[in-house]
Amino acid sequence: MLRKFANIKIENIFLFTAIIIGLIFTFVSPPLSGPDEVVHFTRAYQISEFKIYEEKNQNEIGGYIPVSLQYVINELKKEPIILVQHNKSNKVQISNITSLFKVPLNKEVKTFMAFPSTAAYFPIMYLFESLGIGIAKVFNLTPLALFYFGRIFNLIGWAILTYFSIKLIPIGRKVMFLLGLSPMILFQAATLSPDAITNGVAFLLISVFLRYAFDDKLNIGIKEVLVLILLSSTLALCKQAYFLISILFLIIPVKKASSKRKYFSIFASIILTNIVLILLWSYSVRYAIVPLRPNVSTYDQLVYIFENPLRYCKLIIKTFLSNRHLFLEEWVGRLGWLDIFYLK
């Protein structure tokens, strides 16, 4: 009996475990209890209607959603989500959630809702959850059912991406397995967080780079180049700074591209494609990009970085060292509204 379990592939163990634990997270975590789930829900609904760009209403940026959707969101926001201010006595009542399942969708009656913080996000970040919401709309399910369909499809999409990451990676499979099952990554995948697909694509891209580097049977042809461009571009559009992961191309031996000229041409093509797509999307949604702080100038920040590169590097190191415990805690898992870590 034990031998049969020992022969099960690690990627299959991951998929089963991730889906089971993820579904528990999906239904145990109250609606909107994930960080920024309100704005992710509304943006995912907007994309489910094939509206990839932001909509405007006077000076506000967001989109038109069903009145019933806004009503459910407002009712849920009245709930003390999980542990407001770390108070154990403040918990969501299950009866209050189940009663909202009775609210009909009535998707034709709409109202405008502002969500400027996510309006500029690239649509592929919401691919799986918007698919789930779209399927739920076909059956005219309730707004809260749409929410849970979005969570479930987000979880499944992330699990499939990570499954293939473990399956394809030639070394460090156990490391990838453990990373995929780390609490915070699992929790994000079980909510409407677009970080789920970002993490999944990042894992898959790293696995592909390592496979091309260490699998002696593989050479870098047109098919392999297209795969790298597709995955790296998708990741760059999800999180612009992550295009730097494409530098991992340099771990692939030059001999696999037949010549140095071809090798570096491929590398340049990947990087340039990423940069061009980032610039094109940023330009197309330039009016939807809202600074986190109104008095902060992104342009002046960039000028400062280029004029003071050494000081900027020191600031990064200092920030990392001073917040190292916080970073570690959040990586291991601060669930809910980043407050469950304090539950004792």
C-alpha atoms as a PDB file:
ATOM      1  CA  MET A   1       0.000   0.000   0.000  1.00  0.00           C
ATOM      2  CA  LEU A   2       2.749   2.465   0.956  1.00  0.00           C
ATOM      3  CA  ARG A   3       4.617   1.679  -2.259  1.00  0.00           C
ATOM      4  CA  LYS A   4       1.569   2.717  -4.277  1.00  0.00           C
ATOM      5  CA  PHE A   5       1.528   6.132  -2.558  1.00  0.00           C
ATOM      6  CA  ALA A   6       5.300   6.432  -2.981  1.00  0.00           C
ATOM      7  CA  ASN A   7       4.873   6.143  -6.745  1.00  0.00           C
ATOM      8  CA  ILE A   8       2.459   9.065  -6.969  1.00  0.00           C
ATOM      9  CA  LYS A   9       4.098  11.959  -8.778  1.00  0.00           C
ATOM     10  CA  ILE A  10       4.791  15.017  -6.658  1.00  0.00           C
ATOM     11  CA  GLU A  11       2.884  17.330  -9.031  1.00  0.00           C
ATOM     12  CA  ASN A  12      -0.226  15.169  -8.587  1.00  0.00           C
ATOM     13  CA  ILE A  13       0.144  15.331  -4.809  1.00  0.00           C
ATOM     14  CA  PHE A  14       0.433  19.096  -5.104  1.00  0.00           C
ATOM     15  CA  LEU A  15      -2.668  19.454  -7.259  1.00  0.00           C
ATOM     16  CA  PHE A  16      -4.812  17.362  -4.921  1.00  0.00           C
ATOM     17  CA  THR A  17      -3.503  19.054  -1.771  1.00  0.00           C
ATOM     18  CA  ALA A  18      -3.699  22.590  -3.185  1.00  0.00           C
ATOM     19  CA  ILE A  19      -7.287  22.167  -4.398  1.00  0.00           C
ATOM     20  CA  ILE A  20      -8.491  20.658  -1.117  1.00  0.00           C
ATOM     21  CA  ILE A  21      -6.794  23.204   1.166  1.00  0.00           C
ATOM     22  CA  GLY A  22      -7.594  26.016  -1.252  1.00  0.00           C
ATOM     23  CA  LEU A  23     -11.307  25.171  -1.247  1.00  0.00           C
ATOM     24  CA  ILE A  24     -11.251  25.212   2.542  1.00  0.00           C
ATOM     25  CA  PHE A  25      -9.717  28.702   2.414  1.00  0.00           C
ATOM     26  CA  THR A  26     -12.296  29.719  -0.210  1.00  0.00           C
ATOM     27  CA  PHE A  27     -15.307  28.942   1.949  1.00  0.00           C
ATOM     28  CA  VAL A  28     -13.900  29.507   5.444  1.00  0.00           C
ATOM     29  CA  SER A  29     -12.658  32.998   4.562  1.00  0.00           C
ATOM     30  CA  PRO A  30     -15.672  35.340   4.530  1.00  0.00           C
ATOM     31  CA  PRO A  31     -16.445  37.246   1.329  1.00  0.00           C
ATOM     32  CA  LEU A  32     -14.213  40.302   0.805  1.00  0.00           C
ATOM     33  CA  SER A  33     -11.838  39.142   3.555  1.00  0.00           C
ATOM     34  CA  GLY A  34      -8.902  39.006   1.150  1.00  0.00           C
ATOM     35  CA  PRO A  35      -6.834  42.178   0.751  1.00  0.00           C
ATOM     36  CA  ASP A  36      -8.575  44.575  -1.687  1.00  0.00           C
ATOM     37  CA  GLU A  37     -11.142  41.975  -2.694  1.00  0.00           C
ATOM     38  CA  VAL A  38     -13.808  44.627  -3.236  1.00  0.00           C
ATOM     39  CA  VAL A  39     -11.919  46.328  -6.064  1.00  0.00           C
ATOM     40  CA  HIS A  40     -10.734  42.992  -7.465  1.00  0.00           C
ATOM     41  CA  PHE A  41     -14.318  41.716  -7.570  1.00  0.00           C
ATOM     42  CA  THR A  42     -15.588  44.790  -9.408  1.00  0.00           C
ATOM     43  CA  ARG A  43     -12.676  44.804 -11.876  1.00  0.00           C
ATOM     44  CA  ALA A  44     -13.126  41.068 -12.553  1.00  0.00           C
ATOM     45  CA  TYR A  45     -16.839  41.631 -13.187  1.00  0.00           C
ATOM     46  CA  GLN A  46     -16.003  44.445 -15.605  1.00  0.00           C
ATOM     47  CA  ILE A  47     -13.614  42.178 -17.534  1.00  0.00           C
ATOM     48  CA  SER A  48     -16.201  39.369 -17.594  1.00  0.00           C
ATOM     49  CA  GLU A  49     -18.217  41.745 -19.785  1.00  0.00           C
ATOM     50  CA  PHE A  50     -15.187  42.122 -22.113  1.00  0.00           C
ATOM     51  CA  LYS A  51     -14.552  45.701 -21.010  1.00  0.00           C
ATOM     52  CA  ILE A  52     -10.787  45.766 -20.731  1.00  0.00           C
ATOM     53  CA  TYR A  53     -10.370  49.512 -20.278  1.00  0.00           C
ATOM     54  CA  GLU A  54     -11.471  51.712 -17.440  1.00  0.00           C
ATOM     55  CA  GLU A  55     -14.751  53.622 -17.557  1.00  0.00           C
ATOM     56  CA  LYS A  56     -15.258  57.140 -16.296  1.00  0.00           C
ATOM     57  CA  ASN A  57     -18.022  58.988 -14.534  1.00  0.00           C
ATOM     58  CA  GLN A  58     -17.145  62.654 -14.127  1.00  0.00           C
ATOM     59  CA  ASN A  59     -13.815  62.605 -12.283  1.00  0.00           C
ATOM     60  CA  GLU A  60     -14.084  59.017 -11.027  1.00  0.00           C
ATOM     61  CA  ILE A  61     -12.488  55.949 -12.592  1.00  0.00           C
ATOM     62  CA  GLY A  62     -14.080  52.511 -12.352  1.00  0.00           C
ATOM     63  CA  GLY A  63     -16.918  50.787 -14.123  1.00  0.00           C
ATOM     64  CA  TYR A  64     -20.646  50.100 -14.334  1.00  0.00           C
ATOM     65  CA  ILE A  65     -21.790  47.100 -12.328  1.00  0.00           C
ATOM     66  CA  PRO A  66     -25.231  45.761 -11.371  1.00  0.00           C
ATOM     67  CA  VAL A  67     -26.928  47.623  -8.524  1.00  0.00           C
ATOM     68  CA  SER A  68     -27.399  44.260  -6.807  1.00  0.00           C
ATOM     69  CA  LEU A  69     -23.637  43.701  -6.866  1.00  0.00           C
ATOM     70  CA  GLN A  70     -23.016  47.037  -5.181  1.00  0.00           C
ATOM     71  CA  TYR A  71     -25.734  46.269  -2.635  1.00  0.00           C
ATOM     72  CA  VAL A  72     -24.137  42.945  -1.673  1.00  0.00           C
ATOM     73  CA  ILE A  73     -20.711  44.589  -1.411  1.00  0.00           C
ATOM     74  CA  ASN A  74     -22.095  47.348   0.832  1.00  0.00           C
ATOM     75  CA  GLU A  75     -23.862  44.814   3.054  1.00  0.00           C
ATOM     76  CA  LEU A  76     -20.695  42.737   3.407  1.00  0.00           C
ATOM     77  CA  LYS A  77     -18.654  45.835   4.220  1.00  0.00           C
ATOM     78  CA  LYS A  78     -20.908  46.366   7.247  1.00  0.00           C
ATOM     79  CA  GLU A  79     -19.674  43.049   8.628  1.00  0.00           C
ATOM     80  CA  PRO A  80     -16.668  43.019  10.985  1.00  0.00           C
ATOM     81  CA  ILE A  81     -14.488  41.100   8.523  1.00  0.00           C
ATOM     82  CA  ILE A  82     -12.646  38.378  10.475  1.00  0.00           C
ATOM     83  CA  LEU A  83     -10.722  40.299  13.146  1.00  0.00           C
ATOM     84  CA  VAL A  84     -11.149  44.032  12.792  1.00  0.00           C
ATOM     85  CA  GLN A  85      -8.395  45.675  14.843  1.00  0.00           C
ATOM     86  CA  HIS A  86      -7.397  42.189  16.008  1.00  0.00           C
ATOM     87  CA  ASN A  87     -10.510  41.813  18.173  1.00  0.00           C
ATOM     88  CA  LYS A  88     -11.414  38.136  18.460  1.00  0.00           C
ATOM     89  CA  SER A  89     -15.042  38.918  19.316  1.00  0.00           C
ATOM     90  CA  ASN A  90     -15.656  40.622  15.953  1.00  0.00           C
ATOM     91  CA  LYS A  91     -16.538  37.828  13.564  1.00  0.00           C
ATOM     92  CA  VAL A  92     -18.759  37.497  10.552  1.00  0.00           C
ATOM     93  CA  GLN A  93     -22.103  35.825  11.160  1.00  0.00           C
ATOM     94  CA  ILE A  94     -22.718  32.961   8.740  1.00  0.00           C
ATOM     95  CA  SER A  95     -26.443  33.762   8.666  1.00  0.00           C
ATOM     96  CA  ASN A  96     -25.665  37.247   7.350  1.00  0.00           C
ATOM     97  CA  ILE A  97     -23.678  35.748   4.478  1.00  0.00           C
ATOM     98  CA  THR A  98     -26.217  33.059   3.547  1.00  0.00           C
ATOM     99  CA  SER A  99     -29.055  35.601   3.469  1.00  0.00           C
ATOM    100  CA  LEU A 100     -27.205  37.520   0.740  1.00  0.00           C
ATOM    101  CA  PHE A 101     -27.354  34.464  -1.535  1.00  0.00           C
ATOM    102  CA  LYS A 102     -31.035  35.312  -2.025  1.00  0.00           C
ATOM    103  CA  VAL A 103     -30.310  38.686  -3.639  1.00  0.00           C
ATOM    104  CA  PRO A 104     -31.003  38.334  -7.410  1.00  0.00           C
ATOM    105  CA  LEU A 105     -28.451  39.594  -9.927  1.00  0.00           C
ATOM    106  CA  ASN A 106     -30.676  41.634 -12.278  1.00  0.00           C
ATOM    107  CA  LYS A 107     -27.596  42.476 -14.373  1.00  0.00           C
ATOM    108  CA  GLU A 108     -29.373  44.970 -16.618  1.00  0.00           C
ATOM    109  CA  VAL A 109     -29.850  47.552 -13.844  1.00  0.00           C
ATOM    110  CA  LYS A 110     -26.431  49.112 -13.310  1.00  0.00           C
ATOM    111  CA  THR A 111     -24.699  51.826 -11.374  1.00  0.00           C
ATOM    112  CA  PHE A 112     -21.221  53.300 -11.484  1.00  0.00           C
ATOM    113  CA  MET A 113     -18.680  52.206  -8.889  1.00  0.00           C
ATOM    114  CA  ALA A 114     -15.207  53.668  -8.553  1.00  0.00           C
ATOM    115  CA  PHE A 115     -12.218  51.335  -8.326  1.00  0.00           C
ATOM    116  CA  PRO A 116      -9.255  53.425  -9.549  1.00  0.00           C
ATOM    117  CA  SER A 117      -6.622  51.242  -7.888  1.00  0.00           C
ATOM    118  CA  THR A 118      -7.360  48.272 -10.192  1.00  0.00           C
ATOM    119  CA  ALA A 119      -8.829  49.950 -13.291  1.00  0.00           C
ATOM    120  CA  ALA A 120      -5.407  50.017 -14.979  1.00  0.00           C
ATOM    121  CA  TYR A 121      -4.603  46.357 -14.262  1.00  0.00           C
ATOM    122  CA  PHE A 122      -4.017  44.250 -17.357  1.00  0.00           C
ATOM    123  CA  PRO A 123      -7.073  42.024 -18.012  1.00  0.00           C
ATOM    124  CA  ILE A 124      -5.130  38.750 -18.049  1.00  0.00           C
ATOM    125  CA  MET A 125      -4.564  39.179 -14.309  1.00  0.00           C
ATOM    126  CA  TYR A 126      -8.267  38.446 -13.890  1.00  0.00           C
ATOM    127  CA  LEU A 127      -8.468  35.727 -16.548  1.00  0.00           C
ATOM    128  CA  PHE A 128      -9.601  32.828 -14.369  1.00  0.00           C
ATOM    129  CA  GLU A 129     -11.865  34.672 -11.942  1.00  0.00           C
ATOM    130  CA  SER A 130     -13.595  36.641 -14.711  1.00  0.00           C
ATOM    131  CA  LEU A 131     -14.148  33.311 -16.519  1.00  0.00           C
ATOM    132  CA  GLY A 132     -15.808  31.917 -13.392  1.00  0.00           C
ATOM    133  CA  ILE A 133     -17.936  35.038 -13.011  1.00  0.00           C
ATOM    134  CA  GLY A 134     -18.879  34.887 -16.694  1.00  0.00           C
ATOM    135  CA  ILE A 135     -20.021  31.268 -16.411  1.00  0.00           C
ATOM    136  CA  ALA A 136     -22.057  32.101 -13.298  1.00  0.00           C
ATOM    137  CA  LYS A 137     -23.720  34.976 -15.187  1.00  0.00           C
ATOM    138  CA  VAL A 138     -24.800  32.615 -17.964  1.00  0.00           C
ATOM    139  CA  PHE A 139     -26.887  30.761 -15.367  1.00  0.00           C
ATOM    140  CA  ASN A 140     -28.057  34.085 -13.890  1.00  0.00           C
ATOM    141  CA  LEU A 141     -26.725  33.193 -10.444  1.00  0.00           C
ATOM    142  CA  THR A 142     -26.765  35.673  -7.577  1.00  0.00           C
ATOM    143  CA  PRO A 143     -24.010  38.278  -7.008  1.00  0.00           C
ATOM    144  CA  LEU A 144     -22.593  36.333  -4.068  1.00  0.00           C
ATOM    145  CA  ALA A 145     -22.543  33.140  -6.150  1.00  0.00           C
ATOM    146  CA  LEU A 146     -20.594  35.087  -8.793  1.00  0.00           C
ATOM    147  CA  PHE A 147     -18.094  36.007  -6.105  1.00  0.00           C
ATOM    148  CA  TYR A 148     -17.514  32.390  -5.085  1.00  0.00           C
ATOM    149  CA  PHE A 149     -17.328  31.190  -8.691  1.00  0.00           C
ATOM    150  CA  GLY A 150     -14.602  33.774  -9.205  1.00  0.00           C
ATOM    151  CA  ARG A 151     -12.679  32.512  -6.181  1.00  0.00           C
ATOM    152  CA  ILE A 152     -12.976  28.857  -7.227  1.00  0.00           C
ATOM    153  CA  PHE A 153     -11.839  29.465 -10.814  1.00  0.00           C
ATOM    154  CA  ASN A 154      -8.967  31.636  -9.581  1.00  0.00           C
ATOM    155  CA  LEU A 155      -7.842  28.788  -7.346  1.00  0.00           C
ATOM    156  CA  ILE A 156      -8.119  26.176 -10.098  1.00  0.00           C
ATOM    157  CA  GLY A 157      -6.274  28.320 -12.648  1.00  0.00           C
ATOM    158  CA  TRP A 158      -3.415  29.000 -10.231  1.00  0.00           C
ATOM    159  CA  ALA A 159      -3.244  25.310  -9.238  1.00  0.00           C
ATOM    160  CA  ILE A 160      -2.954  24.225 -12.886  1.00  0.00           C
ATOM    161  CA  LEU A 161      -0.165  26.741 -13.579  1.00  0.00           C
ATOM    162  CA  THR A 162       1.746  25.630 -10.489  1.00  0.00           C
ATOM    163  CA  TYR A 163       1.097  21.962 -11.312  1.00  0.00           C
ATOM    164  CA  PHE A 164       2.886  22.354 -14.646  1.00  0.00           C
ATOM    165  CA  SER A 165       5.632  24.373 -12.939  1.00  0.00           C
ATOM    166  CA  ILE A 166       6.395  21.400 -10.688  1.00  0.00           C
ATOM    167  CA  LYS A 167       5.995  18.935 -13.541  1.00  0.00           C
ATOM    168  CA  LEU A 168       8.376  20.757 -15.897  1.00  0.00           C
ATOM    169  CA  ILE A 169      11.088  21.928 -13.520  1.00  0.00           C
ATOM    170  CA  PRO A 170      14.158  19.647 -13.813  1.00  0.00           C
ATOM    171  CA  ILE A 171      15.626  20.458 -10.393  1.00  0.00           C
ATOM    172  CA  GLY A 172      14.205  21.635  -7.080  1.00  0.00           C
ATOM    173  CA  ARG A 173      10.773  20.071  -7.475  1.00  0.00           C
ATOM    174  CA  LYS A 174      10.329  19.773  -3.731  1.00  0.00           C
ATOM    175  CA  VAL A 175      11.212  23.441  -3.309  1.00  0.00           C
ATOM    176  CA  MET A 176       8.593  24.424  -5.903  1.00  0.00           C
ATOM    177  CA  PHE A 177       6.123  22.073  -4.220  1.00  0.00           C
ATOM    178  CA  LEU A 178       6.639  23.742  -0.818  1.00  0.00           C
ATOM    179  CA  LEU A 179       6.492  27.243  -2.280  1.00  0.00           C
ATOM    180  CA  GLY A 180       3.210  26.427  -3.955  1.00  0.00           C
ATOM    181  CA  LEU A 181       1.745  25.189  -0.681  1.00  0.00           C
ATOM    182  CA  SER A 182       2.990  28.092   1.453  1.00  0.00           C
ATOM    183  CA  PRO A 183       0.019  29.567   3.372  1.00  0.00           C
ATOM    184  CA  MET A 184       0.007  33.073   1.899  1.00  0.00           C
ATOM    185  CA  ILE A 185       0.265  31.912  -1.710  1.00  0.00           C
ATOM    186  CA  LEU A 186      -2.543  29.406  -1.142  1.00  0.00           C
ATOM    187  CA  PHE A 187      -4.700  32.023   0.554  1.00  0.00           C
ATOM    188  CA  GLN A 188      -4.225  34.515  -2.275  1.00  0.00           C
ATOM    189  CA  ALA A 189      -5.146  31.844  -4.814  1.00  0.00           C
ATOM    190  CA  ALA A 190      -8.330  31.102  -2.876  1.00  0.00           C
ATOM    191  CA  THR A 191      -9.454  34.738  -3.016  1.00  0.00           C
ATOM    192  CA  LEU A 192      -9.993  37.105  -5.950  1.00  0.00           C
ATOM    193  CA  SER A 193      -6.398  38.315  -5.759  1.00  0.00           C
ATOM    194  CA  PRO A 194      -4.805  38.759  -9.204  1.00  0.00           C
ATOM    195  CA  ASP A 195      -1.523  37.802  -7.532  1.00  0.00           C
ATOM    196  CA  ALA A 196      -2.650  34.198  -8.004  1.00  0.00           C
ATOM    197  CA  ILE A 197      -2.092  34.220 -11.745  1.00  0.00           C
ATOM    198  CA  THR A 198       1.030  36.372 -11.330  1.00  0.00           C
ATOM    199  CA  ASN A 199       2.547  33.806  -8.964  1.00  0.00           C
ATOM    200  CA  GLY A 200       1.502  30.911 -11.182  1.00  0.00           C
ATOM    201  CA  VAL A 201       2.984  32.414 -14.354  1.00  0.00           C
ATOM    202  CA  ALA A 202       6.177  33.403 -12.495  1.00  0.00           C
ATOM    203  CA  PHE A 203       6.612  29.825 -11.251  1.00  0.00           C
ATOM    204  CA  LEU A 204       5.954  28.430 -14.719  1.00  0.00           C
ATOM    205  CA  LEU A 205       8.390  30.825 -16.421  1.00  0.00           C
ATOM    206  CA  ILE A 206      11.161  29.977 -13.941  1.00  0.00           C
ATOM    207  CA  SER A 207      10.507  26.260 -14.460  1.00  0.00           C
ATOM    208  CA  VAL A 208      10.702  26.645 -18.245  1.00  0.00           C
ATOM    209  CA  PHE A 209      13.980  28.570 -18.032  1.00  0.00           C
ATOM    210  CA  LEU A 210      15.468  25.858 -15.833  1.00  0.00           C
ATOM    211  CA  ARG A 211      14.172  23.114 -18.114  1.00  0.00           C
ATOM    212  CA  TYR A 212      15.717  24.712 -21.183  1.00  0.00           C
ATOM    213  CA  ALA A 213      18.960  25.171 -19.273  1.00  0.00           C
ATOM    214  CA  PHE A 214      19.349  21.673 -17.806  1.00  0.00           C
ATOM    215  CA  ASP A 215      17.560  19.366 -20.237  1.00  0.00           C
ATOM    216  CA  ASP A 216      20.263  18.245 -22.667  1.00  0.00           C
ATOM    217  CA  LYS A 217      17.668  17.058 -25.179  1.00  0.00           C
ATOM    218  CA  LEU A 218      16.222  20.546 -25.641  1.00  0.00           C
ATOM    219  CA  ASN A 219      17.615  23.217 -27.952  1.00  0.00           C
ATOM    220  CA  ILE A 220      16.294  26.749 -28.361  1.00  0.00           C
ATOM    221  CA  GLY A 221      14.250  26.819 -31.547  1.00  0.00           C
ATOM    222  CA  ILE A 222      11.311  28.914 -32.701  1.00  0.00           C
ATOM    223  CA  LYS A 223       8.835  27.003 -30.529  1.00  0.00           C
ATOM    224  CA  GLU A 224      10.913  27.525 -27.383  1.00  0.00           C
ATOM    225  CA  VAL A 225      11.423  31.225 -28.138  1.00  0.00           C
ATOM    226  CA  LEU A 226       7.684  31.741 -28.611  1.00  0.00           C
ATOM    227  CA  VAL A 227       6.966  30.004 -25.301  1.00  0.00           C
ATOM    228  CA  LEU A 228       9.466  32.242 -23.495  1.00  0.00           C
ATOM    229  CA  ILE A 229       8.116  35.415 -25.106  1.00  0.00           C
ATOM    230  CA  LEU A 230       4.514  34.454 -24.294  1.00  0.00           C
ATOM    231  CA  LEU A 231       5.190  33.602 -20.642  1.00  0.00           C
ATOM    232  CA  SER A 232       7.594  36.471 -19.954  1.00  0.00           C
ATOM    233  CA  SER A 233       5.303  39.023 -21.638  1.00  0.00           C
ATOM    234  CA  THR A 234       2.315  37.770 -19.675  1.00  0.00           C
ATOM    235  CA  LEU A 235       4.261  38.079 -16.442  1.00  0.00           C
ATOM    236  CA  ALA A 236       5.574  41.538 -17.345  1.00  0.00           C
ATOM    237  CA  LEU A 237       2.053  42.766 -18.046  1.00  0.00           C
ATOM    238  CA  CYS A 238       0.887  41.380 -14.702  1.00  0.00           C
ATOM    239  CA  LYS A 239       3.733  43.007 -12.745  1.00  0.00           C
ATOM    240  CA  GLN A 240       5.989  45.279 -14.749  1.00  0.00           C
ATOM    241  CA  ALA A 241       9.049  44.863 -12.541  1.00  0.00           C
ATOM    242  CA  TYR A 242       8.914  41.094 -13.022  1.00  0.00           C
ATOM    243  CA  PHE A 243      10.216  41.390 -16.571  1.00  0.00           C
ATOM    244  CA  LEU A 244      13.625  41.188 -14.880  1.00  0.00           C
ATOM    245  CA  ILE A 245      12.973  37.474 -14.314  1.00  0.00           C
ATOM    246  CA  SER A 246      13.644  37.103 -18.041  1.00  0.00           C
ATOM    247  CA  ILE A 247      17.325  37.643 -17.256  1.00  0.00           C
ATOM    248  CA  LEU A 248      17.254  33.978 -16.233  1.00  0.00           C
ATOM    249  CA  PHE A 249      17.532  33.281 -19.953  1.00  0.00           C
ATOM    250  CA  LEU A 250      21.271  33.758 -19.459  1.00  0.00           C
ATOM    251  CA  ILE A 251      21.507  30.505 -17.488  1.00  0.00           C
ATOM    252  CA  ILE A 252      20.710  28.641 -20.714  1.00  0.00           C
ATOM    253  CA  PRO A 253      23.968  27.508 -22.385  1.00  0.00           C
ATOM    254  CA  VAL A 254      24.898  29.448 -25.521  1.00  0.00           C
ATOM    255  CA  LYS A 255      25.377  26.201 -27.463  1.00  0.00           C
ATOM    256  CA  LYS A 256      21.639  25.524 -27.310  1.00  0.00           C
ATOM    257  CA  ALA A 257      21.010  28.449 -29.662  1.00  0.00           C
ATOM    258  CA  SER A 258      23.695  27.276 -32.133  1.00  0.00           C
ATOM    259  CA  SER A 259      25.539  30.617 -32.137  1.00  0.00           C
ATOM    260  CA  LYS A 260      26.299  33.583 -29.873  1.00  0.00           C
ATOM    261  CA  ARG A 261      24.656  35.967 -32.290  1.00  0.00           C
ATOM    262  CA  LYS A 262      21.405  34.011 -32.302  1.00  0.00           C
ATOM    263  CA  TYR A 263      21.578  33.503 -28.543  1.00  0.00           C
ATOM    264  CA  PHE A 264      21.839  37.202 -27.700  1.00  0.00           C
ATOM    265  CA  SER A 265      19.337  38.113 -30.422  1.00  0.00           C
ATOM    266  CA  ILE A 266      16.797  35.872 -28.706  1.00  0.00           C
ATOM    267  CA  PHE A 267      17.596  37.387 -25.326  1.00  0.00           C
ATOM    268  CA  ALA A 268      17.250  40.920 -26.691  1.00  0.00           C
ATOM    269  CA  SER A 269      13.969  40.012 -28.385  1.00  0.00           C
ATOM    270  CA  ILE A 270      12.482  38.738 -25.121  1.00  0.00           C
ATOM    271  CA  ILE A 271      13.535  41.800 -23.125  1.00  0.00           C
ATOM    272  CA  LEU A 272      12.501  44.304 -25.791  1.00  0.00           C
ATOM    273  CA  THR A 273       9.119  42.621 -26.308  1.00  0.00           C
ATOM    274  CA  ASN A 274       8.462  42.846 -22.578  1.00  0.00           C
ATOM    275  CA  ILE A 275       9.435  46.515 -22.414  1.00  0.00           C
ATOM    276  CA  VAL A 276       7.435  47.489 -25.518  1.00  0.00           C
ATOM    277  CA  LEU A 277       4.288  45.740 -24.255  1.00  0.00           C
ATOM    278  CA  ILE A 278       4.637  47.347 -20.830  1.00  0.00           C
ATOM    279  CA  LEU A 279       4.991  50.800 -22.398  1.00  0.00           C
ATOM    280  CA  LEU A 280       2.080  50.257 -24.790  1.00  0.00           C
ATOM    281  CA  TRP A 281      -0.282  49.129 -22.044  1.00  0.00           C
ATOM    282  CA  SER A 282       0.874  51.868 -19.657  1.00  0.00           C
ATOM    283  CA  TYR A 283       0.270  54.460 -22.364  1.00  0.00           C
ATOM    284  CA  SER A 284      -3.177  53.097 -23.217  1.00  0.00           C
ATOM    285  CA  VAL A 285      -4.322  53.334 -19.572  1.00  0.00           C
ATOM    286  CA  ARG A 286      -2.316  56.423 -18.629  1.00  0.00           C
ATOM    287  CA  TYR A 287      -5.440  58.304 -17.524  1.00  0.00           C
ATOM    288  CA  ALA A 288      -6.445  55.468 -15.213  1.00  0.00           C
ATOM    289  CA  ILE A 289      -3.139  55.294 -13.357  1.00  0.00           C
ATOM    290  CA  VAL A 290      -3.717  56.954 -10.026  1.00  0.00           C
ATOM    291  CA  PRO A 291      -0.731  57.639  -7.731  1.00  0.00           C
ATOM    292  CA  LEU A 292      -0.961  56.013  -4.320  1.00  0.00           C
ATOM    293  CA  ARG A 293      -0.202  59.384  -2.783  1.00  0.00           C
ATOM    294  CA  PRO A 294      -1.344  62.525  -4.597  1.00  0.00           C
ATOM    295  CA  ASN A 295       1.705  64.567  -3.567  1.00  0.00           C
ATOM    296  CA  VAL A 296       4.229  61.992  -4.817  1.00  0.00           C
ATOM    297  CA  SER A 297       5.755  62.428  -8.266  1.00  0.00           C
ATOM    298  CA  THR A 298       6.758  59.233 -10.072  1.00  0.00           C
ATOM    299  CA  TYR A 299       8.860  61.263 -12.497  1.00  0.00           C
ATOM    300  CA  ASP A 300      10.819  62.952  -9.709  1.00  0.00           C
ATOM    301  CA  GLN A 301      11.366  59.573  -8.071  1.00  0.00           C
ATOM    302  CA  LEU A 302      12.876  58.171 -11.264  1.00  0.00           C
ATOM    303  CA  VAL A 303      15.103  61.219 -11.643  1.00  0.00           C
ATOM    304  CA  TYR A 304      16.311  60.770  -8.067  1.00  0.00           C
ATOM    305  CA  ILE A 305      17.087  57.080  -8.645  1.00  0.00           C
ATOM    306  CA  PHE A 306      19.132  57.750 -11.776  1.00  0.00           C
ATOM    307  CA  GLU A 307      20.990  60.637 -10.130  1.00  0.00           C
ATOM    308  CA  ASN A 308      21.665  58.728  -6.891  1.00  0.00           C
ATOM    309  CA  PRO A 309      21.939  55.029  -7.777  1.00  0.00           C
ATOM    310  CA  LEU A 310      24.200  54.106  -4.841  1.00  0.00           C
ATOM    311  CA  ARG A 311      22.019  55.882  -2.305  1.00  0.00           C
ATOM    312  CA  TYR A 312      18.962  54.201  -3.815  1.00  0.00           C
ATOM    313  CA  CYS A 313      20.597  50.769  -3.432  1.00  0.00           C
ATOM    314  CA  LYS A 314      21.415  51.571   0.189  1.00  0.00           C
ATOM    315  CA  LEU A 315      17.777  52.536   0.794  1.00  0.00           C
ATOM    316  CA  ILE A 316      16.597  49.217  -0.630  1.00  0.00           C
ATOM    317  CA  ILE A 317      18.978  47.260   1.599  1.00  0.00           C
ATOM    318  CA  LYS A 318      18.053  49.335   4.646  1.00  0.00           C
ATOM    319  CA  THR A 319      14.337  48.878   3.954  1.00  0.00           C
ATOM    320  CA  PHE A 320      14.756  45.130   3.595  1.00  0.00           C
ATOM    321  CA  LEU A 321      16.763  44.815   6.813  1.00  0.00           C
ATOM    322  CA  SER A 322      14.447  47.010   8.873  1.00  0.00           C
ATOM    323  CA  ASN A 323      11.352  45.149   7.656  1.00  0.00           C
ATOM    324  CA  ARG A 324      12.824  41.643   7.415  1.00  0.00           C
ATOM    325  CA  HIS A 325      10.571  40.229  10.131  1.00  0.00           C
ATOM    326  CA  LEU A 326       7.465  41.706   8.499  1.00  0.00           C
ATOM    327  CA  PHE A 327       8.451  40.308   5.089  1.00  0.00           C
ATOM    328  CA  LEU A 328       9.019  36.863   6.576  1.00  0.00           C
ATOM    329  CA  GLU A 329       5.706  36.922   8.441  1.00  0.00           C
ATOM    330  CA  GLU A 330       3.784  37.947   5.325  1.00  0.00           C
ATOM    331  CA  TRP A 331       5.519  35.306   3.235  1.00  0.00           C
ATOM    332  CA  VAL A 332       4.650  32.557   5.728  1.00  0.00           C
ATOM    333  CA  GLY A 333       1.112  33.865   6.003  1.00  0.00           C
ATOM    334  CA  ARG A 334      -0.753  36.896   7.270  1.00  0.00           C
ATOM    335  CA  LEU A 335      -4.185  35.967   6.063  1.00  0.00           C
ATOM    336  CA  GLY A 336      -7.461  37.865   6.062  1.00  0.00           C
ATOM    337  CA  TRP A 337      -6.823  41.593   6.086  1.00  0.00           C
ATOM    338  CA  LEU A 338      -3.206  40.789   7.003  1.00  0.00           C
ATOM    339  CA  ASP A 339      -4.239  40.452  10.641  1.00  0.00           C
ATOM    340  CA  ILE A 340      -4.794  36.753  11.389  1.00  0.00           C
ATOM    341  CA  PHE A 341      -1.102  36.407  12.262  1.00  0.00           C
ATOM    342  CA  TYR A 342      -1.929  38.165  15.538  1.00  0.00           C
ATOM    343  CA  LEU A 343      -4.598  35.676  16.577  1.00  0.00           C
ATOM    344  CA  LYS A 344      -3.494  33.919  19.748  1.00  0.00           C
END
